[in-house]
Protein backbone atom coordinates (compact mmCIF):
# COMPACT_ATOMS: atom_id res chain seq x y z
CA MET A 1 105.50 94.61 113.14
CA LEU A 2 106.74 93.61 116.83
CA PHE A 3 109.68 96.34 117.60
CA ASN A 4 112.03 94.04 120.36
CA THR A 5 113.85 96.39 122.55
CA ASP A 6 116.54 94.21 122.65
CA ASN A 7 117.27 94.45 118.91
CA PRO A 8 120.59 96.33 118.43
CA VAL A 9 118.96 98.45 115.27
CA VAL A 10 115.93 99.55 117.38
CA LYS A 11 117.51 100.44 120.20
CA ARG A 12 119.66 102.91 117.89
CA CYS A 13 116.32 104.25 116.39
CA THR A 14 114.73 104.36 120.05
CA GLN A 15 118.18 106.37 121.58
CA GLY A 16 117.45 108.26 118.08
CA MET A 17 113.99 109.42 119.08
CA GLU A 18 115.44 110.55 122.29
CA LEU A 19 117.97 112.48 120.94
CA GLU A 20 115.34 114.54 118.44
CA HIS A 21 113.26 115.37 121.41
CA ALA A 22 116.27 116.63 123.12
CA PHE A 23 116.89 118.75 119.83
CA ARG A 24 119.99 117.23 119.10
CA THR A 25 118.94 116.28 115.67
CA GLU A 26 122.62 115.93 113.98
CA GLU A 27 123.28 112.92 116.97
CA ALA A 28 119.64 111.49 116.18
CA ALA A 29 120.77 111.44 112.27
CA ALA A 30 123.92 109.86 112.90
CA LEU A 31 122.74 107.08 115.43
CA PHE A 32 119.53 106.21 112.62
CA LEU A 33 122.21 105.72 110.01
CA GLU A 34 124.11 103.13 112.42
CA ALA A 35 120.88 101.68 112.63
CA TRP A 36 120.71 101.46 108.93
CA GLU A 37 124.12 100.04 108.74
CA ILE A 38 123.91 97.31 110.97
CA ALA A 39 120.61 96.12 110.05
CA ALA A 40 120.85 92.36 108.60
CA THR A 41 116.75 91.79 108.21
CA ASP A 42 114.02 93.21 105.91
CA GLU A 43 112.36 94.15 109.26
CA GLU A 44 116.02 95.98 110.58
CA LYS A 45 116.01 97.91 107.11
CA SER A 46 112.47 98.86 107.19
CA ILE A 47 112.71 100.33 110.74
CA ALA A 48 115.91 101.80 110.16
CA ALA A 49 115.21 103.48 106.66
CA HIS A 50 111.97 105.12 108.07
CA TYR A 51 113.75 106.78 110.57
CA VAL A 52 116.77 107.79 108.47
CA ALA A 53 114.13 109.45 106.25
CA ARG A 54 113.07 111.90 108.96
CA HIS A 55 116.49 114.01 108.58
CA ALA A 56 117.17 113.12 104.81
CA GLY A 57 117.13 116.66 104.10
CA SER A 58 115.49 117.05 100.81
CA VAL A 59 111.78 116.13 99.63
CA GLU A 60 113.29 113.77 97.02
CA GLY A 61 115.94 112.07 99.67
CA LYS A 62 113.22 111.49 102.39
CA LEU A 63 111.15 109.88 99.46
CA ASP A 64 114.25 107.69 98.53
CA TRP A 65 114.77 106.83 101.66
CA ASP A 66 110.80 106.27 102.64
CA LEU A 67 110.48 104.01 99.14
CA LYS A 68 113.48 101.72 100.70
CA ALA A 69 111.81 101.24 104.18
CA LEU A 70 108.46 100.36 102.40
CA GLU A 71 110.47 97.93 99.85
CA HIS A 72 111.79 96.44 103.00
CA GLY A 73 108.68 96.29 105.27
CA GLU A 74 106.48 94.53 102.17
CA ARG A 75 109.07 91.88 102.62
CA VAL A 76 108.54 91.00 105.95
CA GLU A 77 105.61 88.49 106.89
CA ALA A 78 102.76 90.16 107.12
CA ASP A 79 101.24 89.36 110.30
CA ARG A 80 104.74 91.23 111.39
CA ALA A 81 104.17 93.85 109.03
CA ILE A 82 100.85 94.99 109.29
CA ALA A 83 100.77 97.77 112.03
CA LEU A 84 103.94 99.55 109.78
CA LEU A 85 102.72 99.00 106.21
CA PRO A 86 99.93 101.91 105.94
CA SER A 87 102.30 104.14 107.18
CA LEU A 88 104.96 103.50 105.45
CA CYS A 89 102.89 103.96 102.05
CA LEU A 90 101.62 107.11 103.55
CA ASN A 91 104.81 108.50 104.17
CA VAL A 92 105.46 107.56 100.47
CA ALA A 93 102.42 109.38 99.24
CA LYS A 94 103.23 112.37 100.67
CA GLY A 95 106.46 112.57 99.66
CA TYR A 96 104.89 111.91 96.03
CA GLU A 97 102.50 114.78 96.78
CA ASP A 98 105.34 117.09 97.69
CA LEU A 99 106.55 116.47 94.23
CA SER A 100 103.42 117.10 92.52
CA GLU A 101 103.65 113.48 91.37
CA LEU A 102 99.94 113.28 92.24
CA GLU A 103 98.86 110.36 90.20
CA THR A 104 101.59 108.38 91.91
CA ALA A 105 100.68 110.07 94.92
CA ILE A 106 97.01 108.48 95.11
CA ARG A 107 98.17 105.29 94.17
CA PHE A 108 100.60 105.10 96.96
CA TYR A 109 97.82 106.84 99.63
CA ASN A 110 95.50 103.76 98.16
CA ARG A 111 97.44 101.38 98.85
CA ALA A 112 97.68 102.88 102.32
CA ASN A 113 94.16 102.81 102.59
CA ASP A 114 94.30 99.09 101.68
CA TYR A 115 96.68 98.40 104.79
CA ALA A 116 95.35 100.65 106.70
CA SER A 117 91.40 99.03 106.59
CA THR A 118 93.34 95.63 108.24
CA LEU A 119 93.90 98.13 111.34
CA PRO A 120 91.71 97.68 114.88
CA GLU A 121 89.64 100.65 115.04
CA ASP A 122 92.12 102.21 118.02
CA GLY A 123 93.84 105.41 118.31
CA TYR A 124 96.93 104.46 115.81
CA GLY A 125 94.12 103.02 113.11
CA GLN A 126 91.77 106.05 113.32
CA MET A 127 94.95 108.18 112.92
CA LEU A 128 96.11 106.55 110.15
CA ARG A 129 93.22 106.31 108.49
CA ALA A 130 92.47 110.32 108.78
CA GLY A 131 95.86 110.96 107.21
CA VAL A 132 94.84 109.05 104.49
CA ALA A 133 91.43 110.38 103.61
CA ALA A 134 93.03 113.85 103.90
CA GLY A 135 96.30 112.94 101.56
CA LEU A 136 93.17 111.53 99.10
CA GLU A 137 91.18 114.47 99.23
CA ARG A 138 93.88 117.11 99.02
CA THR A 139 95.39 115.14 95.85
CA GLN A 140 92.12 114.35 94.03
CA LYS A 141 91.58 118.24 94.80
CA LYS A 142 94.50 118.97 93.14
CA THR A 143 93.88 117.00 90.27
CA THR A 144 90.90 118.68 89.58
CA GLU A 145 92.44 122.44 89.82
């Protein structure tokens, strides 16, 4: 996904991240919600929902926003969404894992793995593949306990 820094949704999310780094989390959360409210395209909605999820306040709330981000991300042209989809699936999988819905978590970890297989062998691709592998290992271990 190409992030246009002139896009108002991306600008708000960037500003929100800056506020997060300054430990001004309430202000950051408000900017992320504002980004969601002005988002008009699936790409913008996916980006905004991804950031809103960070401040959802509960595992269920975070998962709801992560699912929204994924739903909108999967509607974006494949070449524009390719870098974000593995991460979105990974977030959804972790949410289901945290809710002990292990079979669903495994399904989403496998989806993340499928998407991640298209990423280059750079730091981002390696980080995502490592996260997926760790999630699959954890959940599969839990299902056999």
